Protein backbone atom coordinates (compact mmCIF):
# COMPACT_ATOMS: atom_id res chain seq x y z
CA UNK A 1 -2.55 159.84 106.98
CA UNK A 2 1.40 161.84 107.91
CA UNK A 3 0.91 162.81 111.59
CA UNK A 4 1.94 166.27 111.86
CA UNK A 5 2.73 166.46 115.65
CA UNK A 6 5.21 168.96 115.91
CA UNK A 7 8.47 169.03 118.05
CA UNK A 8 7.92 172.39 119.94
CA UNK A 9 10.70 172.68 122.52
CA UNK A 10 14.64 173.21 121.73
CA UNK A 11 14.40 175.45 119.04
CA UNK A 12 16.24 179.13 118.92
CA UNK A 13 16.08 180.33 121.98
CA UNK A 14 14.14 183.63 120.91
CA UNK A 15 12.61 184.49 117.68
CA UNK A 16 8.96 186.09 117.94
CA UNK A 17 6.66 187.16 114.56
CA UNK A 18 8.36 190.41 115.05
CA UNK A 19 11.56 189.17 114.79
CA UNK A 20 11.24 186.38 112.13
CA UNK A 21 13.78 186.52 109.16
CA UNK A 22 13.28 186.92 105.47
CA UNK A 23 13.82 183.97 104.41
CA UNK A 24 15.93 183.82 100.10
CA UNK A 25 16.49 180.12 99.16
CA UNK A 26 18.61 179.97 95.91
CA UNK A 27 19.29 176.72 94.36
CA UNK A 28 21.38 175.92 91.35
CA UNK A 29 20.78 173.28 89.23
CA UNK A 30 23.56 171.21 88.58
CA UNK A 31 25.93 173.03 90.64
CA UNK A 32 28.52 170.43 92.41
CA UNK A 33 30.31 171.18 94.99
CA UNK A 34 33.90 171.25 94.12
CA UNK A 35 33.23 173.10 90.84
CA UNK A 36 32.51 176.57 93.28
CA UNK A 37 36.02 178.81 95.13
CA UNK A 38 35.20 178.38 98.26
CA UNK A 39 34.98 174.81 98.27
CA UNK A 40 38.44 175.11 97.18
CA UNK A 41 38.02 175.07 93.12
CA UNK A 42 40.69 176.60 90.92
CA UNK A 43 38.50 178.81 88.74
CA UNK A 44 37.07 182.22 89.54
CA UNK A 45 33.31 180.70 88.94
CA UNK A 46 31.47 182.15 92.31
CA UNK A 47 32.85 185.04 93.39
CA UNK A 48 29.23 186.17 95.23
CA UNK A 49 28.99 182.58 96.80
CA UNK A 50 32.26 182.76 98.03
CA UNK A 51 31.86 186.07 99.68
CA UNK A 52 28.44 185.10 101.01
CA UNK A 53 30.59 181.55 102.59
CA UNK A 54 32.79 183.96 104.42
CA UNK A 55 30.12 185.92 105.56
CA UNK A 56 28.06 183.43 107.39
CA UNK A 57 28.18 179.38 107.22
CA UNK A 58 29.41 176.70 104.86
CA UNK A 59 28.97 173.02 105.17
CA UNK A 60 32.01 170.85 103.79
CA UNK A 61 29.91 167.86 103.20
CA UNK A 62 26.29 168.62 102.38
CA UNK A 63 24.95 165.39 100.57
CA UNK A 64 21.74 165.98 97.96
CA UNK A 65 18.94 163.31 98.55
CA UNK A 66 19.07 162.62 95.00
CA UNK A 67 21.48 162.42 91.63
CA UNK A 68 18.73 164.38 89.96
CA UNK A 69 15.96 167.52 90.17
CA UNK A 70 12.81 166.32 90.95
CA UNK A 71 13.61 163.97 93.84
CA UNK A 72 16.34 165.78 95.33
CA UNK A 73 14.36 169.10 95.05
CA UNK A 74 11.07 166.97 96.84
CA UNK A 75 13.46 165.72 99.25
CA UNK A 76 14.59 169.89 100.44
CA UNK A 77 10.65 170.95 100.50
CA UNK A 78 9.60 168.03 102.72
CA UNK A 79 12.30 166.57 104.37
CA UNK A 80 11.59 163.17 102.89
CA UNK A 81 14.25 160.76 100.99
CA UNK A 82 12.72 159.91 97.54
CA UNK A 83 11.36 157.04 98.85
CA UNK A 84 9.10 158.40 101.01
CA UNK A 85 7.63 161.55 99.37
CA UNK A 86 7.46 159.06 96.19
CA UNK A 87 8.14 162.10 93.52
CA UNK A 88 10.34 159.57 91.51
CA UNK A 89 9.58 159.82 88.14
CA UNK A 90 8.17 162.11 85.41
CA UNK A 91 5.28 160.98 85.97
CA UNK A 92 4.71 160.44 89.67
CA UNK A 93 3.67 163.79 92.04
CA UNK A 94 3.90 164.47 96.04
CA UNK A 95 1.22 162.72 97.56
CA UNK A 96 -1.68 164.91 99.46
CA UNK A 97 -1.16 164.97 103.15
CA UNK A 98 2.27 165.17 103.28
CA UNK A 99 3.45 168.64 104.17
CA UNK A 100 6.11 170.89 102.68
CA UNK A 101 8.36 173.75 104.06
CA UNK A 102 6.52 176.83 101.86
CA UNK A 103 2.94 175.06 103.48
CA UNK A 104 4.57 175.14 106.94
CA UNK A 105 6.09 178.93 106.88
CA UNK A 106 3.17 180.00 105.03
CA UNK A 107 0.84 178.84 108.05
CA UNK A 108 3.92 180.39 109.77
CA UNK A 109 2.65 183.67 108.97
CA UNK A 110 4.72 184.24 106.13
CA UNK A 111 4.29 185.19 102.27
CA UNK A 112 5.51 182.86 100.24
CA UNK A 113 6.81 183.02 96.61
CA UNK A 114 8.75 180.97 93.68
CA UNK A 115 10.31 181.49 90.59
CA UNK A 116 11.85 178.65 88.43
CA UNK A 117 12.22 177.71 85.13
CA UNK A 118 13.00 174.04 85.08
CA UNK A 119 10.36 171.61 83.60
CA UNK A 120 11.54 168.46 86.63
CA UNK A 121 10.04 171.24 89.53
CA UNK A 122 6.77 172.21 87.96
CA UNK A 123 4.23 172.98 89.51
CA UNK A 124 2.41 169.64 88.31
CA UNK A 125 4.63 167.65 90.79
CA UNK A 126 3.50 169.39 93.47
CA UNK A 127 6.03 172.19 94.11
CA UNK A 128 3.56 175.02 94.17
CA UNK A 129 1.98 173.45 97.39
CA UNK A 130 2.17 176.22 99.60
CA UNK A 131 3.01 179.01 97.42
CA UNK A 132 1.05 182.48 96.87
CA UNK A 133 3.01 183.11 93.90
CA UNK A 134 4.91 179.92 92.04
CA UNK A 135 5.91 180.78 88.46
CA UNK A 136 7.44 178.37 86.76
CA UNK A 137 5.98 179.56 83.19
CA UNK A 138 6.45 183.66 82.72
CA UNK A 139 10.26 183.72 82.06
CA UNK A 140 9.66 180.49 79.35
CA UNK A 141 6.91 182.49 77.54
CA UNK A 142 8.80 185.96 77.80
CA UNK A 143 11.66 184.66 75.97
CA UNK A 144 9.81 182.95 73.58
CA UNK A 145 11.44 179.42 74.45
CA UNK A 146 10.21 176.90 72.67
CA UNK A 147 10.00 172.77 73.40
CA UNK A 148 13.33 172.50 73.03
CA UNK A 149 15.26 175.80 73.49
CA UNK A 150 16.19 175.59 77.08
CA UNK A 151 18.61 173.53 76.28
CA UNK A 152 20.32 176.44 73.99
CA UNK A 153 19.11 179.41 75.98
CA UNK A 154 20.70 181.29 79.12
CA UNK A 155 17.92 182.26 81.53
CA UNK A 156 19.58 183.52 84.85
CA UNK A 157 19.21 187.19 84.39
CA UNK A 158 15.50 186.57 83.38
CA UNK A 159 15.02 184.39 86.76
CA UNK A 160 16.74 187.17 88.39
CA UNK A 161 14.56 190.39 87.02
CA UNK A 162 11.63 188.08 88.18
CA UNK A 163 12.78 187.92 91.78
CA UNK A 164 13.58 191.19 92.21
CA UNK A 165 10.61 192.25 90.43
CA UNK A 166 8.71 190.03 92.82
CA UNK A 167 10.74 191.57 95.73
CA UNK A 168 9.63 194.75 94.91
CA UNK A 169 6.13 195.23 94.15
CA UNK A 170 4.22 192.14 95.52
CA UNK A 171 6.17 192.18 99.35
CA UNK A 172 3.88 192.97 101.85
CA UNK A 173 6.11 195.05 104.56
CA UNK A 174 4.24 193.73 107.50
CA UNK A 175 4.81 190.14 106.89
CA UNK A 176 8.08 188.18 106.44
CA UNK A 177 8.97 186.44 102.99
CA UNK A 178 9.58 182.98 101.66
CA UNK A 179 11.36 183.90 98.23
CA UNK A 180 12.71 180.84 96.49
CA UNK A 181 14.81 181.07 93.40
CA UNK A 182 15.91 178.13 91.04
CA UNK A 183 18.47 178.77 88.94
CA UNK A 184 18.60 176.62 85.62
CA UNK A 185 22.13 177.42 83.68
CA UNK A 186 24.53 175.46 85.10
CA UNK A 187 21.93 172.04 83.75
CA UNK A 188 23.77 170.91 80.07
CA UNK A 189 23.43 171.88 77.69
CA UNK A 190 26.25 174.32 78.57
CA UNK A 191 26.05 177.04 76.41
CA UNK A 192 26.55 180.11 78.42
CA UNK A 193 26.56 184.20 76.87
CA UNK A 194 29.29 186.06 76.14
CA UNK A 195 31.38 186.91 77.68
CA UNK A 196 31.12 183.72 79.79
CA UNK A 197 31.76 181.43 77.27
CA UNK A 198 35.70 182.53 76.72
CA UNK A 199 35.84 182.90 80.36
CA UNK A 200 37.37 179.36 81.41
CA UNK A 201 38.02 177.69 78.03
CA UNK A 202 41.20 177.68 75.83
CA UNK A 203 41.00 180.25 73.23
CA UNK A 204 43.21 178.36 70.80
CA UNK A 205 40.46 175.44 71.12
CA UNK A 206 39.80 174.33 67.36
CA UNK A 207 37.72 171.41 68.37
CA UNK A 208 33.92 171.10 67.52
CA UNK A 209 32.63 170.76 71.01
CA UNK A 210 30.60 173.80 71.41
CA UNK A 211 28.66 172.63 74.78
CA UNK A 212 25.62 171.76 72.67
CA UNK A 213 23.77 168.65 72.20
CA UNK A 214 25.62 166.87 75.36
CA UNK A 215 22.82 163.86 75.35
CA UNK A 216 24.36 162.61 72.33
CA UNK A 217 28.05 162.95 73.74
CA UNK A 218 27.32 159.93 76.13
CA UNK A 219 29.42 156.88 75.50
CA UNK A 220 31.47 158.71 73.12
CA UNK A 221 35.35 158.64 73.17
CA UNK A 222 36.02 162.45 73.44
CA UNK A 223 39.94 163.80 73.54
CA UNK A 224 40.90 165.48 76.51
CA UNK A 225 40.91 168.96 74.80
CA UNK A 226 37.24 167.94 74.21
CA UNK A 227 36.52 167.52 77.97
CA UNK A 228 38.30 170.62 78.93
CA UNK A 229 36.51 173.08 76.69
CA UNK A 230 32.84 171.30 78.00
CA UNK A 231 34.20 171.93 81.32
CA UNK A 232 35.49 175.48 80.91
CA UNK A 233 31.26 175.91 79.35
CA UNK A 234 30.18 174.32 82.14
CA UNK A 235 32.36 176.49 84.81
CA UNK A 236 31.10 179.70 82.44
CA UNK A 237 27.51 178.86 83.15
CA UNK A 238 28.18 178.47 87.05
CA UNK A 239 29.81 182.11 86.36
CA UNK A 240 27.15 183.53 84.44
CA UNK A 241 24.51 182.32 87.15
CA UNK A 242 26.65 182.95 90.30
CA UNK A 243 27.02 186.89 88.79
CA UNK A 244 23.19 187.01 88.54
CA UNK A 245 23.00 185.64 92.29
CA UNK A 246 25.31 189.23 93.29
CA UNK A 247 22.45 191.13 91.64
CA UNK A 248 19.74 189.45 93.53
CA UNK A 249 22.27 190.10 96.50
CA UNK A 250 22.62 193.96 95.38
CA UNK A 251 19.19 193.95 95.16
CA UNK A 252 18.35 193.04 98.73
CA UNK A 253 21.33 195.16 100.53
CA UNK A 254 19.68 198.14 98.43
CA UNK A 255 16.59 197.54 100.04
CA UNK A 256 17.72 197.40 103.75
CA UNK A 257 17.06 193.71 103.55
CA UNK A 258 20.02 191.91 103.38
CA UNK A 259 20.78 192.50 107.92
CA UNK A 260 17.20 190.95 108.30
CA UNK A 261 17.24 188.05 105.53
CA UNK A 262 18.20 184.54 105.85
CA UNK A 263 19.77 183.98 102.71
CA UNK A 264 20.52 179.92 101.21
CA UNK A 265 22.75 179.03 98.39
CA UNK A 266 22.71 174.96 97.28
CA UNK A 267 22.38 172.95 94.61
CA UNK A 268 20.14 170.70 94.10
CA UNK A 269 22.62 168.05 92.79
CA UNK A 270 26.14 167.44 90.77
CA UNK A 271 27.26 167.18 87.34
CA UNK A 272 29.24 164.57 86.35
CA UNK A 273 32.74 164.99 83.82
CA UNK A 274 34.20 161.35 83.00
CA UNK A 275 34.51 160.94 86.78
CA UNK A 276 33.18 157.68 86.46
CA UNK A 277 33.72 157.80 82.53
CA UNK A 278 29.93 159.34 82.49
CA UNK A 279 28.75 162.76 81.88
CA UNK A 280 25.74 164.51 82.89
CA UNK A 281 23.66 163.66 85.85
CA UNK A 282 21.11 160.75 87.37
CA UNK A 283 22.62 157.56 86.81
CA UNK A 284 24.71 157.47 90.01
CA UNK A 285 25.22 157.80 93.77
CA UNK A 286 28.60 159.07 93.85
CA UNK A 287 30.12 162.07 95.41
CA UNK A 288 30.12 164.33 92.07
CA UNK A 289 26.48 163.78 91.67
CA UNK A 290 25.37 163.91 95.53
CA UNK A 291 27.89 166.51 97.04
CA UNK A 292 26.49 170.36 96.62
CA UNK A 293 27.50 173.78 98.16
CA UNK A 294 25.30 174.73 101.22
CA UNK A 295 25.94 178.12 102.25
CA UNK A 296 23.94 179.73 104.73
CA UNK A 297 24.28 183.56 105.55
CA UNK A 298 22.18 185.97 107.78
CA UNK A 299 24.47 188.71 109.16
CA UNK A 300 22.21 189.77 111.77
CA UNK A 301 22.67 186.36 114.02
CA UNK A 302 25.47 184.34 112.49
CA UNK A 303 28.84 184.61 112.72
CA UNK A 304 31.19 184.87 109.70
CA UNK A 305 33.67 182.79 108.44
CA UNK A 306 32.15 179.65 109.89
CA UNK A 307 32.74 175.92 108.29
CA UNK A 308 30.94 172.87 109.50
CA UNK A 309 33.00 169.62 108.97
CA UNK A 310 29.98 167.12 109.81
CA UNK A 311 28.10 165.55 107.20
CA UNK A 312 24.85 166.93 106.63
CA UNK A 313 21.91 166.12 103.72
CA UNK A 314 19.98 168.68 102.05
CA UNK A 315 16.71 166.96 104.31
CA UNK A 316 17.96 168.87 107.02
CA UNK A 317 17.07 171.87 105.12
CA UNK A 318 13.16 171.97 106.13
CA UNK A 319 13.81 171.63 109.83
CA UNK A 320 16.60 174.19 109.88
CA UNK A 321 14.74 176.75 107.98
CA UNK A 322 11.49 176.24 110.47
CA UNK A 323 13.58 176.12 113.39
CA UNK A 324 15.39 179.50 112.61
CA UNK A 325 12.20 181.27 111.88
CA UNK A 326 10.78 179.99 115.61
CA UNK A 327 8.22 177.48 113.73
CA UNK A 328 7.87 173.97 114.94
CA UNK A 329 9.14 171.22 112.65
CA UNK A 330 6.42 168.59 111.63
CA UNK A 331 6.87 165.14 112.92
CA UNK A 332 6.92 163.86 109.16
CA UNK A 333 10.52 165.36 108.88
CA UNK A 334 13.53 162.60 108.75
CA UNK A 335 16.18 165.43 108.38
CA UNK A 336 17.48 167.65 111.34
CA UNK A 337 17.87 171.19 112.54
CA UNK A 338 21.28 172.13 111.78
CA UNK A 339 21.29 175.44 113.56
CA UNK A 340 23.28 174.15 116.98
CA UNK A 341 26.56 173.72 114.43
CA UNK A 342 26.77 177.61 113.98
CA UNK A 343 24.53 179.03 116.23
CA UNK A 344 25.17 179.64 120.06
CA UNK A 345 21.59 180.33 120.59
CA UNK A 346 20.32 177.30 119.87
CA UNK A 347 18.73 174.78 122.30
CA UNK A 348 19.16 171.94 120.12
CA UNK A 349 21.65 169.03 119.77
CA UNK A 350 23.13 168.12 116.67
CA UNK A 351 24.04 164.33 116.36
CA UNK A 352 25.94 163.27 113.17
CA UNK A 353 24.41 160.40 111.46
CA UNK A 354 24.36 158.58 108.24
CA UNK A 355 22.20 159.95 104.88
CA UNK A 356 20.37 158.30 102.47
CA UNK A 357 20.31 158.78 98.41
CA UNK A 358 18.76 157.25 95.74
CA UNK A 359 17.51 157.47 91.87
CA UNK A 360 15.26 155.89 89.81
CA UNK A 361 15.94 157.63 86.93
CA UNK A 362 17.72 155.66 84.73
CA UNK A 363 18.52 153.02 87.23
CA UNK A 364 17.21 152.04 90.45
CA UNK A 365 20.17 152.95 93.11
CA UNK A 366 20.08 153.37 96.64
CA UNK A 367 23.05 154.65 98.92
CA UNK A 368 23.89 155.14 102.39
CA UNK A 369 26.79 157.68 103.39
CA UNK A 370 28.79 158.63 106.68
CA UNK A 371 32.06 161.06 106.17
CA UNK A 372 33.68 157.92 105.93
CA UNK A 373 31.93 155.35 104.19
CA UNK A 374 29.34 154.86 101.27
CA UNK A 375 27.62 151.79 100.40
CA UNK A 376 25.74 151.63 97.01
CA UNK A 377 23.02 149.43 95.99
CA UNK A 378 21.97 148.11 92.48
CA UNK A 379 18.28 147.64 93.47
CA UNK A 380 17.47 145.14 90.35
CA UNK A 381 20.59 142.84 91.20
CA UNK A 382 20.41 143.60 94.98
CA UNK A 383 24.49 144.21 94.85
CA UNK A 384 26.48 146.46 96.81
CA UNK A 385 29.70 149.04 95.70
CA UNK A 386 31.60 149.98 99.20
CA UNK A 387 33.84 152.88 98.91
CA UNK A 388 36.22 154.21 102.03
CA UNK A 389 35.96 157.62 101.67
CA UNK A 390 38.77 158.57 103.99
CA UNK A 391 41.23 156.53 101.76
CA UNK A 392 39.58 156.65 98.46
CA UNK A 393 37.64 160.08 98.12
CA UNK A 394 37.08 159.31 94.31
CA UNK A 395 35.31 156.01 94.82
CA UNK A 396 37.95 154.20 92.42
CA UNK A 397 38.70 151.20 94.36
CA UNK A 398 35.38 148.89 95.11
CA UNK A 399 35.79 147.13 98.48
CA UNK A 400 32.29 145.01 98.25
CA UNK A 401 34.20 142.09 97.06
CA UNK A 402 37.51 142.56 99.43
CA UNK A 403 38.13 141.52 102.88
CA UNK A 404 37.59 144.93 104.07
CA UNK A 405 33.83 144.64 103.49
CA UNK A 406 33.94 143.37 106.78
CA UNK A 407 34.39 147.03 108.01
CA UNK A 408 30.72 148.10 106.45
CA UNK A 409 28.61 145.49 108.22
CA UNK A 410 27.35 148.45 110.63
CA UNK A 411 26.58 150.62 107.79
CA UNK A 412 24.83 147.60 105.93
CA UNK A 413 22.38 146.95 109.41
CA UNK A 414 21.98 150.68 109.49
CA UNK A 415 21.12 150.40 105.72
CA UNK A 416 18.52 147.67 106.38
CA UNK A 417 16.87 149.24 109.16
CA UNK A 418 16.24 152.31 107.05
CA UNK A 419 14.48 150.80 104.43
CA UNK A 420 12.49 148.56 107.06
CA UNK A 421 11.71 152.00 108.07
CA UNK A 422 10.47 153.59 104.53
CA UNK A 423 8.34 150.10 103.96
CA UNK A 424 6.18 150.90 107.78
CA UNK A 425 5.72 154.75 106.63
CA UNK A 426 4.60 153.45 102.87
CA UNK A 427 2.19 151.10 104.42
CA UNK A 428 0.34 153.44 106.89
CA UNK A 429 0.46 156.42 104.41
CA UNK A 430 -1.39 157.85 100.58
CA UNK A 431 0.74 155.96 97.98
CA UNK A 432 2.27 158.14 95.21
CA UNK A 433 -0.20 159.65 92.87
CA UNK A 434 0.44 159.25 89.29
CA UNK A 435 0.13 161.92 87.04
CA UNK A 436 -0.55 162.61 82.56
CA UNK A 437 2.15 164.88 81.15
CA UNK A 438 0.76 167.30 78.72
CA UNK A 439 2.72 166.72 75.64
CA UNK A 440 4.81 170.07 76.04
CA UNK A 441 6.25 169.36 79.10
CA UNK A 442 6.88 165.73 78.04
CA UNK A 443 8.99 167.11 74.90
CA UNK A 444 10.76 169.11 77.20
CA UNK A 445 11.77 166.15 79.71
CA UNK A 446 12.52 164.54 76.48
CA UNK A 447 14.88 166.89 75.15
CA UNK A 448 16.66 166.67 78.40
CA UNK A 449 17.01 163.42 78.80
CA UNK A 450 14.43 162.81 81.39
CA UNK A 451 12.26 160.99 80.08
CA UNK A 452 11.90 158.21 76.68
């Protein structure tokens, strides 16, 4: 069993039960950082997120723990890498004995609710642990969506409607709340509603790419105009989702909750658009899949216009939010609180350290990354890729077979130590739990390319 001994010292200077912030965690599916305006993107895909970043803190190098949803989101909620929470496929769920962010907040006096529409983050995998309300079915039922329709329907507006409904009707004013909202739409297929479908696409495009059946395009040659059309539709889905995030923010403001609410915006992972001759996600561990937005906004406590340059991991999110709520951080957490990077009231210190990511969806890959270097292991044949991120930020020149590879030896040593620690952790804790997928969920997973 996991030891849940807690770290009780060194947190925020003064957070009492009466002053605990409400917490709203917004995760956006398949949202790569460099398609968000405040991260330098040329298109106006994200005015709401950009405004939040200007009023709060933006993390320039936030790295996901995985390149697809199930392990990435579970890492956010457990502060564990996929190797340790073991929810790494469509048939495994969170083992007993591991706590979650929602569980810790509920135990700390929070009312907890989740509004999602994503089969990869359903309650069947253990994502519902700690939630008073975990709604992963109402939206799909209300929209009349069948097994394969998530690819072809935009649902961000319905996610917002259900989140707003919970805020207005289910909230007990005497208790702080934790609301987790997961938007799906930037996931392929890229089919935003009007007018978003024409917002970033060429009106003179006459090709046959309408954003549908993206899975079938994998490995097929496409003309430049076709690729630009697909990217423009993806950007339209981001803007549609961003506008719905604005509705949620405006609701919090209208209810006089925004000032006392800790609002976090992030992505579960990124998306690839031929950056390494691939598209979609889950199959690599390059930055287009690992680097995601991370914005934290709390007008009452966080000074505006802050940018954190240090590399952080989404496994740091759980200890950060618990710390800001004045709650103890469980001993299971492999991440660290980030509050000292943007709040002067913190008594903690932050040490930038390597972060790790993994995927087992289509092939087994693991990586260790710093701000300047990344090593990617192909687990099956035990070979590595090595990239100098300072001089080669797009990861084009593999140095694994070059003389410069000796410069990666300290990182390789840290990686081997990490794998040894993981093996020791798993040897003393419960193994992964295998689950049986019901036929409807299996059809959804297959339609999205996560099961075969």
